[in-house]
Amino acid sequence: MTIEQIRTEDCLQLNVEGKIDTLTSPEFQDAVLKSFQKSNNIIINFDKVPYISSAGLRALILGQRTASSKGGSFTLINVSPTVYSVFSETGFDKILTIK
């Protein structure tokens, strides 16, 4: 998994590439939480994420909670139908902002 950061004037976008699973979720979670040190508005680009496990879902919940506590935003973009089905089956589509 690789994570590229792109900073704009009002947000930080993380472009994630690869599976977010038990092995890679600690790195993903760390990147998500550290991104809030640079901006309160985070966008996660899932364009190149073919799979997410429950460990990855945990990182997303922590990101959402951090954004809420800072009065910021946490948005997922370019989510594939396969990954979206995981969000839908777990109810995460109701918790997260997915565009």
PDB file of N, CA and C in Angstrom:
ATOM      1  N   MET A   1       0.840  -1.176   0.000  1.00  0.00           N
ATOM      2  CA  MET A   1       0.000   0.000   0.000  1.00  0.00           C
ATOM      3  C   MET A   1       0.885   1.238   0.000  1.00  0.00           C
ATOM      4  N   THR A   2       0.501   2.229  -0.785  1.00  0.00           N
ATOM      5  CA  THR A   2       1.188   3.517  -0.769  1.00  0.00           C
ATOM      6  C   THR A   2       0.162   4.617  -0.507  1.00  0.00           C
ATOM      7  N   ILE A   3       0.631   5.679   0.107  1.00  0.00           N
ATOM      8  CA  ILE A   3      -0.234   6.824   0.409  1.00  0.00           C
ATOM      9  C   ILE A   3       0.490   8.089  -0.008  1.00  0.00           C
ATOM     10  N   GLU A   4      -0.129   8.837  -0.903  1.00  0.00           N
ATOM     11  CA  GLU A   4       0.414  10.110  -1.373  1.00  0.00           C
ATOM     12  C   GLU A   4      -0.443  11.234  -0.798  1.00  0.00           C
ATOM     13  N   GLN A   5       0.208  12.266  -0.278  1.00  0.00           N
ATOM     14  CA  GLN A   5      -0.512  13.418   0.270  1.00  0.00           C
ATOM     15  C   GLN A   5      -0.472  14.576  -0.712  1.00  0.00           C
ATOM     16  N   ILE A   6      -1.623  15.194  -0.923  1.00  0.00           N
ATOM     17  CA  ILE A   6      -1.710  16.390  -1.760  1.00  0.00           C
ATOM     18  C   ILE A   6      -2.407  17.462  -0.934  1.00  0.00           C
ATOM     19  N   ARG A   7      -1.717  18.558  -0.725  1.00  0.00           N
ATOM     20  CA  ARG A   7      -2.246  19.650   0.098  1.00  0.00           C
ATOM     21  C   ARG A   7      -2.825  20.728  -0.795  1.00  0.00           C
ATOM     22  N   THR A   8      -4.029  21.177  -0.461  1.00  0.00           N
ATOM     23  CA  THR A   8      -4.612  22.355  -1.095  1.00  0.00           C
ATOM     24  C   THR A   8      -4.794  23.395   0.001  1.00  0.00           C
ATOM     25  N   GLU A   9      -5.326  24.542  -0.364  1.00  0.00           N
ATOM     26  CA  GLU A   9      -5.417  25.607   0.644  1.00  0.00           C
ATOM     27  C   GLU A   9      -6.361  25.276   1.792  1.00  0.00           C
ATOM     28  N   ASP A  10      -7.382  24.449   1.538  1.00  0.00           N
ATOM     29  CA  ASP A  10      -8.344  24.193   2.605  1.00  0.00           C
ATOM     30  C   ASP A  10      -8.484  22.722   3.005  1.00  0.00           C
ATOM     31  N   CYS A  11      -7.704  21.830   2.384  1.00  0.00           N
ATOM     32  CA  CYS A  11      -7.800  20.420   2.777  1.00  0.00           C
ATOM     33  C   CYS A  11      -6.529  19.660   2.431  1.00  0.00           C
ATOM     34  N   LEU A  12      -6.494  18.428   2.916  1.00  0.00           N
ATOM     35  CA  LEU A  12      -5.399  17.515   2.610  1.00  0.00           C
ATOM     36  C   LEU A  12      -6.030  16.257   2.020  1.00  0.00           C
ATOM     37  N   GLN A  13      -5.565  15.864   0.846  1.00  0.00           N
ATOM     38  CA  GLN A  13      -6.077  14.661   0.202  1.00  0.00           C
ATOM     39  C   GLN A  13      -5.042  13.559   0.303  1.00  0.00           C
ATOM     40  N   LEU A  14      -5.501  12.382   0.714  1.00  0.00           N
ATOM     41  CA  LEU A  14      -4.651  11.202   0.760  1.00  0.00           C
ATOM     42  C   LEU A  14      -5.071  10.285  -0.384  1.00  0.00           C
ATOM     43  N   ASN A  15      -4.164  10.054  -1.317  1.00  0.00           N
ATOM     44  CA  ASN A  15      -4.406   9.117  -2.414  1.00  0.00           C
ATOM     45  C   ASN A  15      -3.835   7.773  -1.996  1.00  0.00           C
ATOM     46  N   VAL A  16      -4.711   6.830  -1.768  1.00  0.00           N
ATOM     47  CA  VAL A  16      -4.317   5.513  -1.269  1.00  0.00           C
ATOM     48  C   VAL A  16      -4.310   4.529  -2.433  1.00  0.00           C
ATOM     49  N   GLU A  17      -3.266   3.700  -2.486  1.00  0.00           N
ATOM     50  CA  GLU A  17      -3.180   2.680  -3.531  1.00  0.00           C
ATOM     51  C   GLU A  17      -2.849   1.343  -2.889  1.00  0.00           C
ATOM     52  N   GLY A  18      -3.709   0.356  -3.124  1.00  0.00           N
ATOM     53  CA  GLY A  18      -3.490  -0.987  -2.599  1.00  0.00           C
ATOM     54  C   GLY A  18      -4.543  -1.387  -1.592  1.00  0.00           C
ATOM     55  N   LYS A  19      -4.439  -2.627  -1.128  1.00  0.00           N
ATOM     56  CA  LYS A  19      -5.395  -3.165  -0.165  1.00  0.00           C
ATOM     57  C   LYS A  19      -5.164  -2.563   1.216  1.00  0.00           C
ATOM     58  N   ILE A  20      -6.273  -2.317   1.915  1.00  0.00           N
ATOM     59  CA  ILE A  20      -6.203  -1.884   3.312  1.00  0.00           C
ATOM     60  C   ILE A  20      -6.675  -3.084   4.130  1.00  0.00           C
ATOM     61  N   ASP A  21      -5.725  -3.812   4.663  1.00  0.00           N
ATOM     62  CA  ASP A  21      -6.033  -5.044   5.383  1.00  0.00           C
ATOM     63  C   ASP A  21      -5.321  -5.043   6.734  1.00  0.00           C
ATOM     64  N   THR A  22      -5.284  -6.193   7.366  1.00  0.00           N
ATOM     65  CA  THR A  22      -4.672  -6.313   8.695  1.00  0.00           C
ATOM     66  C   THR A  22      -3.213  -5.870   8.695  1.00  0.00           C
ATOM     67  N   LEU A  23      -2.497  -6.163   7.628  1.00  0.00           N
ATOM     68  CA  LEU A  23      -1.081  -5.800   7.557  1.00  0.00           C
ATOM     69  C   LEU A  23      -0.853  -4.319   7.288  1.00  0.00           C
ATOM     70  N   THR A  24      -1.693  -3.714   6.465  1.00  0.00           N
ATOM     71  CA  THR A  24      -1.470  -2.323   6.061  1.00  0.00           C
ATOM     72  C   THR A  24      -2.298  -1.310   6.853  1.00  0.00           C
ATOM     73  N   SER A  25      -3.304  -1.770   7.581  1.00  0.00           N
ATOM     74  CA  SER A  25      -4.168  -0.818   8.285  1.00  0.00           C
ATOM     75  C   SER A  25      -3.450   0.030   9.340  1.00  0.00           C
ATOM     76  N   PRO A  26      -2.431  -0.483  10.057  1.00  0.00           N
ATOM     77  CA  PRO A  26      -1.736   0.408  10.994  1.00  0.00           C
ATOM     78  C   PRO A  26      -1.092   1.604  10.289  1.00  0.00           C
ATOM     79  N   GLU A  27      -0.490   1.368   9.138  1.00  0.00           N
ATOM     80  CA  GLU A  27       0.108   2.462   8.368  1.00  0.00           C
ATOM     81  C   GLU A  27      -0.976   3.427   7.878  1.00  0.00           C
ATOM     82  N   PHE A  28      -2.087   2.883   7.408  1.00  0.00           N
ATOM     83  CA  PHE A  28      -3.198   3.705   6.938  1.00  0.00           C
ATOM     84  C   PHE A  28      -3.763   4.550   8.077  1.00  0.00           C
ATOM     85  N   GLN A  29      -4.019   3.928   9.213  1.00  0.00           N
ATOM     86  CA  GLN A  29      -4.554   4.642  10.365  1.00  0.00           C
ATOM     87  C   GLN A  29      -3.608   5.754  10.805  1.00  0.00           C
ATOM     88  N   ASP A  30      -2.328   5.467  10.850  1.00  0.00           N
ATOM     89  CA  ASP A  30      -1.329   6.464  11.226  1.00  0.00           C
ATOM     90  C   ASP A  30      -1.356   7.656  10.269  1.00  0.00           C
ATOM     91  N   ALA A  31      -1.444   7.371   8.967  1.00  0.00           N
ATOM     92  CA  ALA A  31      -1.481   8.446   7.967  1.00  0.00           C
ATOM     93  C   ALA A  31      -2.737   9.287   8.114  1.00  0.00           C
ATOM     94  N   VAL A  32      -3.868   8.640   8.358  1.00  0.00           N
ATOM     95  CA  VAL A  32      -5.132   9.371   8.527  1.00  0.00           C
ATOM     96  C   VAL A  32      -5.054  10.280   9.748  1.00  0.00           C
ATOM     97  N   LEU A  33      -4.633   9.738  10.880  1.00  0.00           N
ATOM     98  CA  LEU A  33      -4.604  10.538  12.108  1.00  0.00           C
ATOM     99  C   LEU A  33      -3.559  11.652  12.037  1.00  0.00           C
ATOM    100  N   LYS A  34      -2.403  11.384  11.453  1.00  0.00           N
ATOM    101  CA  LYS A  34      -1.379  12.427  11.315  1.00  0.00           C
ATOM    102  C   LYS A  34      -1.808  13.522  10.336  1.00  0.00           C
ATOM    103  N   SER A  35      -2.661  13.191   9.393  1.00  0.00           N
ATOM    104  CA  SER A  35      -3.107  14.203   8.431  1.00  0.00           C
ATOM    105  C   SER A  35      -3.872  15.325   9.121  1.00  0.00           C
ATOM    106  N   PHE A  36      -4.517  15.016  10.249  1.00  0.00           N
ATOM    107  CA  PHE A  36      -5.254  16.043  10.979  1.00  0.00           C
ATOM    108  C   PHE A  36      -4.332  17.056  11.659  1.00  0.00           C
ATOM    109  N   GLN A  37      -3.028  16.782  11.710  1.00  0.00           N
ATOM    110  CA  GLN A  37      -2.077  17.771  12.208  1.00  0.00           C
ATOM    111  C   GLN A  37      -1.828  18.853  11.161  1.00  0.00           C
ATOM    112  N   LYS A  38      -2.155  18.564   9.899  1.00  0.00           N
ATOM    113  CA  LYS A  38      -1.923  19.496   8.804  1.00  0.00           C
ATOM    114  C   LYS A  38      -3.189  20.204   8.345  1.00  0.00           C
ATOM    115  N   SER A  39      -4.339  19.581   8.555  1.00  0.00           N
ATOM    116  CA  SER A  39      -5.605  20.156   8.109  1.00  0.00           C
ATOM    117  C   SER A  39      -6.754  19.517   8.883  1.00  0.00           C
ATOM    118  N   ASN A  40      -7.841  20.260   9.059  1.00  0.00           N
ATOM    119  CA  ASN A  40      -9.037  19.709   9.685  1.00  0.00           C
ATOM    120  C   ASN A  40      -9.971  19.079   8.656  1.00  0.00           C
ATOM    121  N   ASN A  41      -9.668  19.276   7.376  1.00  0.00           N
ATOM    122  CA  ASN A  41     -10.506  18.764   6.298  1.00  0.00           C
ATOM    123  C   ASN A  41      -9.703  17.759   5.481  1.00  0.00           C
ATOM    124  N   ILE A  42     -10.111  16.500   5.563  1.00  0.00           N
ATOM    125  CA  ILE A  42      -9.365  15.412   4.940  1.00  0.00           C
ATOM    126  C   ILE A  42     -10.229  14.736   3.882  1.00  0.00           C
ATOM    127  N   ILE A  43      -9.619  14.475   2.740  1.00  0.00           N
ATOM    128  CA  ILE A  43     -10.259  13.702   1.673  1.00  0.00           C
ATOM    129  C   ILE A  43      -9.411  12.456   1.461  1.00  0.00           C
ATOM    130  N   ILE A  44     -10.061  11.307   1.447  1.00  0.00           N
ATOM    131  CA  ILE A  44      -9.370  10.048   1.174  1.00  0.00           C
ATOM    132  C   ILE A  44      -9.814   9.575  -0.214  1.00  0.00           C
ATOM    133  N   ASN A  45      -8.877   9.486  -1.137  1.00  0.00           N
ATOM    134  CA  ASN A  45      -9.160   9.035  -2.498  1.00  0.00           C
ATOM    135  C   ASN A  45      -8.987   7.518  -2.557  1.00  0.00           C
ATOM    136  N   PHE A  46     -10.101   6.805  -2.762  1.00  0.00           N
ATOM    137  CA  PHE A  46     -10.109   5.344  -2.793  1.00  0.00           C
ATOM    138  C   PHE A  46     -10.044   4.796  -4.218  1.00  0.00           C
ATOM    139  N   ASP A  47      -9.670   5.619  -5.171  1.00  0.00           N
ATOM    140  CA  ASP A  47      -9.662   5.223  -6.575  1.00  0.00           C
ATOM    141  C   ASP A  47      -8.884   3.926  -6.826  1.00  0.00           C
ATOM    142  N   LYS A  48      -7.801   3.713  -6.093  1.00  0.00           N
ATOM    143  CA  LYS A  48      -6.946   2.543  -6.322  1.00  0.00           C
ATOM    144  C   LYS A  48      -6.927   1.597  -5.120  1.00  0.00           C
ATOM    145  N   VAL A  49      -8.056   1.556  -4.397  1.00  0.00           N
ATOM    146  CA  VAL A  49      -8.198   0.645  -3.259  1.00  0.00           C
ATOM    147  C   VAL A  49      -9.204  -0.444  -3.635  1.00  0.00           C
ATOM    148  N   PRO A  50      -8.717  -1.666  -3.891  1.00  0.00           N
ATOM    149  CA  PRO A  50      -9.628  -2.730  -4.306  1.00  0.00           C
ATOM    150  C   PRO A  50     -10.299  -3.476  -3.148  1.00  0.00           C
ATOM    151  N   TYR A  51      -9.786  -3.272  -1.914  1.00  0.00           N
ATOM    152  CA  TYR A  51     -10.255  -4.083  -0.781  1.00  0.00           C
ATOM    153  C   TYR A  51     -10.010  -3.332   0.517  1.00  0.00           C
ATOM    154  N   ILE A  52     -10.958  -3.464   1.462  1.00  0.00           N
ATOM    155  CA  ILE A  52     -10.752  -2.939   2.810  1.00  0.00           C
ATOM    156  C   ILE A  52     -11.286  -3.954   3.814  1.00  0.00           C
ATOM    157  N   SER A  53     -10.505  -4.202   4.855  1.00  0.00           N
ATOM    158  CA  SER A  53     -10.905  -5.150   5.902  1.00  0.00           C
ATOM    159  C   SER A  53     -11.501  -4.394   7.086  1.00  0.00           C
ATOM    160  N   SER A  54     -11.923  -5.153   8.082  1.00  0.00           N
ATOM    161  CA  SER A  54     -12.477  -4.531   9.293  1.00  0.00           C
ATOM    162  C   SER A  54     -11.445  -3.656   9.994  1.00  0.00           C
ATOM    163  N   ALA A  55     -10.176  -4.008   9.893  1.00  0.00           N
ATOM    164  CA  ALA A  55      -9.122  -3.177  10.487  1.00  0.00           C
ATOM    165  C   ALA A  55      -9.061  -1.818   9.783  1.00  0.00           C
ATOM    166  N   GLY A  56      -9.261  -1.807   8.487  1.00  0.00           N
ATOM    167  CA  GLY A  56      -9.306  -0.555   7.740  1.00  0.00           C
ATOM    168  C   GLY A  56     -10.529   0.273   8.098  1.00  0.00           C
ATOM    169  N   LEU A  57     -11.648  -0.404   8.347  1.00  0.00           N
ATOM    170  CA  LEU A  57     -12.872   0.295   8.752  1.00  0.00           C
ATOM    171  C   LEU A  57     -12.661   1.015  10.080  1.00  0.00           C
ATOM    172  N   ARG A  58     -11.926   0.382  10.966  1.00  0.00           N
ATOM    173  CA  ARG A  58     -11.624   1.005  12.267  1.00  0.00           C
ATOM    174  C   ARG A  58     -10.871   2.322  12.069  1.00  0.00           C
ATOM    175  N   ALA A  59      -9.915   2.317  11.160  1.00  0.00           N
ATOM    176  CA  ALA A  59      -9.149   3.537  10.886  1.00  0.00           C
ATOM    177  C   ALA A  59     -10.057   4.637  10.346  1.00  0.00           C
ATOM    178  N   LEU A  60     -11.030   4.263   9.529  1.00  0.00           N
ATOM    179  CA  LEU A  60     -11.966   5.260   8.994  1.00  0.00           C
ATOM    180  C   LEU A  60     -12.854   5.844  10.087  1.00  0.00           C
ATOM    181  N   ILE A  61     -13.297   5.008  11.019  1.00  0.00           N
ATOM    182  CA  ILE A  61     -14.105   5.511  12.131  1.00  0.00           C
ATOM    183  C   ILE A  61     -13.296   6.480  12.982  1.00  0.00           C
ATOM    184  N   LEU A  62     -12.040   6.147  13.235  1.00  0.00           N
ATOM    185  CA  LEU A  62     -11.186   7.063  14.004  1.00  0.00           C
ATOM    186  C   LEU A  62     -11.009   8.381  13.260  1.00  0.00           C
ATOM    187  N   GLY A  63     -10.857   8.316  11.946  1.00  0.00           N
ATOM    188  CA  GLY A  63     -10.748   9.537  11.153  1.00  0.00           C
ATOM    189  C   GLY A  63     -12.006  10.370  11.230  1.00  0.00           C
ATOM    190  N   GLN A  64     -13.165   9.733  11.127  1.00  0.00           N
ATOM    191  CA  GLN A  64     -14.440  10.449  11.212  1.00  0.00           C
ATOM    192  C   GLN A  64     -14.612  11.103  12.577  1.00  0.00           C
ATOM    193  N   ARG A  65     -14.279  10.380  13.623  1.00  0.00           N
ATOM    194  CA  ARG A  65     -14.404  10.927  14.987  1.00  0.00           C
ATOM    195  C   ARG A  65     -13.444  12.097  15.203  1.00  0.00           C
ATOM    196  N   THR A  66     -12.234  11.972  14.670  1.00  0.00           N
ATOM    197  CA  THR A  66     -11.260  13.055  14.806  1.00  0.00           C
ATOM    198  C   THR A  66     -11.746  14.299  14.079  1.00  0.00           C
ATOM    199  N   ALA A  67     -12.265  14.122  12.880  1.00  0.00           N
ATOM    200  CA  ALA A  67     -12.789  15.268  12.119  1.00  0.00           C
ATOM    201  C   ALA A  67     -13.927  15.936  12.879  1.00  0.00           C
ATOM    202  N   SER A  68     -14.829  15.145  13.421  1.00  0.00           N
ATOM    203  CA  SER A  68     -15.958  15.702  14.173  1.00  0.00           C
ATOM    204  C   SER A  68     -15.484  16.481  15.390  1.00  0.00           C
ATOM    205  N   SER A  69     -14.502  15.944  16.093  1.00  0.00           N
ATOM    206  CA  SER A  69     -14.013  16.616  17.296  1.00  0.00           C
ATOM    207  C   SER A  69     -13.293  17.923  16.980  1.00  0.00           C
ATOM    208  N   LYS A  70     -12.762  18.046  15.765  1.00  0.00           N
ATOM    209  CA  LYS A  70     -12.048  19.262  15.362  1.00  0.00           C
ATOM    210  C   LYS A  70     -12.927  20.215  14.559  1.00  0.00           C
ATOM    211  N   GLY A  71     -14.181  19.836  14.350  1.00  0.00           N
ATOM    212  CA  GLY A  71     -15.070  20.669  13.544  1.00  0.00           C
ATOM    213  C   GLY A  71     -14.695  20.654  12.073  1.00  0.00           C
ATOM    214  N   GLY A  72     -14.054  19.580  11.645  1.00  0.00           N
ATOM    215  CA  GLY A  72     -13.609  19.472  10.258  1.00  0.00           C
ATOM    216  C   GLY A  72     -14.463  18.508   9.457  1.00  0.00           C
ATOM    217  N   SER A  73     -13.896  18.055   8.345  1.00  0.00           N
ATOM    218  CA  SER A  73     -14.619  17.113   7.487  1.00  0.00           C
ATOM    219  C   SER A  73     -13.717  15.941   7.129  1.00  0.00           C
ATOM    220  N   PHE A  74     -14.359  14.822   6.843  1.00  0.00           N
ATOM    221  CA  PHE A  74     -13.662  13.591   6.481  1.00  0.00           C
ATOM    222  C   PHE A  74     -14.475  12.957   5.370  1.00  0.00           C
ATOM    223  N   THR A  75     -13.952  13.002   4.155  1.00  0.00           N
ATOM    224  CA  THR A  75     -14.704  12.590   2.978  1.00  0.00           C
ATOM    225  C   THR A  75     -13.954  11.522   2.195  1.00  0.00           C
ATOM    226  N   LEU A  76     -14.679  10.509   1.747  1.00  0.00           N
ATOM    227  CA  LEU A  76     -14.121   9.475   0.886  1.00  0.00           C
ATOM    228  C   LEU A  76     -14.612   9.721  -0.536  1.00  0.00           C
ATOM    229  N   ILE A  77     -13.684   9.636  -1.504  1.00  0.00           N
ATOM    230  CA  ILE A  77     -14.057   9.828  -2.898  1.00  0.00           C
ATOM    231  C   ILE A  77     -13.589   8.639  -3.742  1.00  0.00           C
ATOM    232  N   ASN A  78     -14.211   8.487  -4.895  1.00  0.00           N
ATOM    233  CA  ASN A  78     -13.828   7.457  -5.873  1.00  0.00           C
ATOM    234  C   ASN A  78     -13.824   6.052  -5.280  1.00  0.00           C
ATOM    235  N   VAL A  79     -14.848   5.739  -4.514  1.00  0.00           N
ATOM    236  CA  VAL A  79     -14.956   4.417  -3.887  1.00  0.00           C
ATOM    237  C   VAL A  79     -15.518   3.433  -4.911  1.00  0.00           C
ATOM    238  N   SER A  80     -14.832   2.320  -5.109  1.00  0.00           N
ATOM    239  CA  SER A  80     -15.279   1.303  -6.074  1.00  0.00           C
ATOM    240  C   SER A  80     -16.555   0.624  -5.564  1.00  0.00           C
ATOM    241  N   PRO A  81     -17.333   0.047  -6.466  1.00  0.00           N
ATOM    242  CA  PRO A  81     -18.535  -0.684  -6.045  1.00  0.00           C
ATOM    243  C   PRO A  81     -18.231  -1.808  -5.049  1.00  0.00           C
ATOM    244  N   THR A  82     -17.103  -2.480  -5.216  1.00  0.00           N
ATOM    245  CA  THR A  82     -16.731  -3.568  -4.307  1.00  0.00           C
ATOM    246  C   THR A  82     -16.502  -3.048  -2.893  1.00  0.00           C
ATOM    247  N   VAL A  83     -15.745  -1.970  -2.772  1.00  0.00           N
ATOM    248  CA  VAL A  83     -15.474  -1.397  -1.447  1.00  0.00           C
ATOM    249  C   VAL A  83     -16.744  -0.757  -0.889  1.00  0.00           C
ATOM    250  N   TYR A  84     -17.528  -0.117  -1.744  1.00  0.00           N
ATOM    251  CA  TYR A  84     -18.775   0.491  -1.277  1.00  0.00           C
ATOM    252  C   TYR A  84     -19.717  -0.568  -0.709  1.00  0.00           C
ATOM    253  N   SER A  85     -19.714  -1.759  -1.286  1.00  0.00           N
ATOM    254  CA  SER A  85     -20.587  -2.819  -0.770  1.00  0.00           C
ATOM    255  C   SER A  85     -20.195  -3.193   0.659  1.00  0.00           C
ATOM    256  N   VAL A  86     -18.899  -3.136   0.974  1.00  0.00           N
ATOM    257  CA  VAL A  86     -18.449  -3.384   2.355  1.00  0.00           C
ATOM    258  C   VAL A  86     -19.005  -2.296   3.270  1.00  0.00           C
ATOM    259  N   PHE A  87     -18.924  -1.043   2.826  1.00  0.00           N
ATOM    260  CA  PHE A  87     -19.464   0.060   3.625  1.00  0.00           C
ATOM    261  C   PHE A  87     -20.969  -0.102   3.826  1.00  0.00           C
ATOM    262  N   SER A  88     -21.664  -0.488   2.776  1.00  0.00           N
ATOM    263  CA  SER A  88     -23.110  -0.653   2.829  1.00  0.00           C
ATOM    264  C   SER A  88     -23.511  -1.794   3.758  1.00  0.00           C
ATOM    265  N   GLU A  89     -22.838  -2.925   3.654  1.00  0.00           N
ATOM    266  CA  GLU A  89     -23.164  -4.092   4.477  1.00  0.00           C
ATOM    267  C   GLU A  89     -22.893  -3.858   5.962  1.00  0.00           C
ATOM    268  N   THR A  90     -21.936  -2.995   6.267  1.00  0.00           N
ATOM    269  CA  THR A  90     -21.582  -2.738   7.659  1.00  0.00           C
ATOM    270  C   THR A  90     -22.248  -1.491   8.225  1.00  0.00           C
ATOM    271  N   GLY A  91     -22.993  -0.764   7.390  1.00  0.00           N
ATOM    272  CA  GLY A  91     -23.646   0.463   7.833  1.00  0.00           C
ATOM    273  C   GLY A  91     -22.741   1.680   7.809  1.00  0.00           C
ATOM    274  N   PHE A  92     -21.517   1.523   7.338  1.00  0.00           N
ATOM    275  CA  PHE A  92     -20.572   2.630   7.293  1.00  0.00           C
ATOM    276  C   PHE A  92     -20.988   3.686   6.265  1.00  0.00           C
ATOM    277  N   ASP A  93     -21.807   3.302   5.294  1.00  0.00           N
ATOM    278  CA  ASP A  93     -22.282   4.277   4.312  1.00  0.00           C
ATOM    279  C   ASP A  93     -23.187   5.313   4.961  1.00  0.00           C
ATOM    280  N   LYS A  94     -23.707   5.006   6.144  1.00  0.00           N
ATOM    281  CA  LYS A  94     -24.553   5.950   6.885  1.00  0.00           C
ATOM    282  C   LYS A  94     -23.727   6.837   7.827  1.00  0.00           C
ATOM    283  N   ILE A  95     -22.511   6.395   8.147  1.00  0.00           N
ATOM    284  CA  ILE A  95     -21.648   7.101   9.089  1.00  0.00           C
ATOM    285  C   ILE A  95     -20.666   8.023   8.368  1.00  0.00           C
ATOM    286  N   LEU A  96     -20.128   7.543   7.252  1.00  0.00           N
ATOM    287  CA  LEU A  96     -19.086   8.266   6.529  1.00  0.00           C
ATOM    288  C   LEU A  96     -19.675   9.107   5.398  1.00  0.00           C
ATOM    289  N   THR A  97     -18.968  10.166   5.045  1.00  0.00           N
ATOM    290  CA  THR A  97     -19.328  10.959   3.875  1.00  0.00           C
ATOM    291  C   THR A  97     -18.621  10.358   2.678  1.00  0.00           C
ATOM    292  N   ILE A  98     -19.400   9.817   1.757  1.00  0.00           N
ATOM    293  CA  ILE A  98     -18.834   9.149   0.566  1.00  0.00           C
ATOM    294  C   ILE A  98     -19.380   9.853  -0.659  1.00  0.00           C
ATOM    295  N   LYS A  99     -18.461  10.357  -1.487  1.00  0.00           N
ATOM    296  CA  LYS A  99     -18.873  11.066  -2.713  1.00  0.00           C
ATOM    297  C   LYS A  99     -18.342  10.353  -3.934  1.00  0.00           C
TER     298      LYS A  99
END
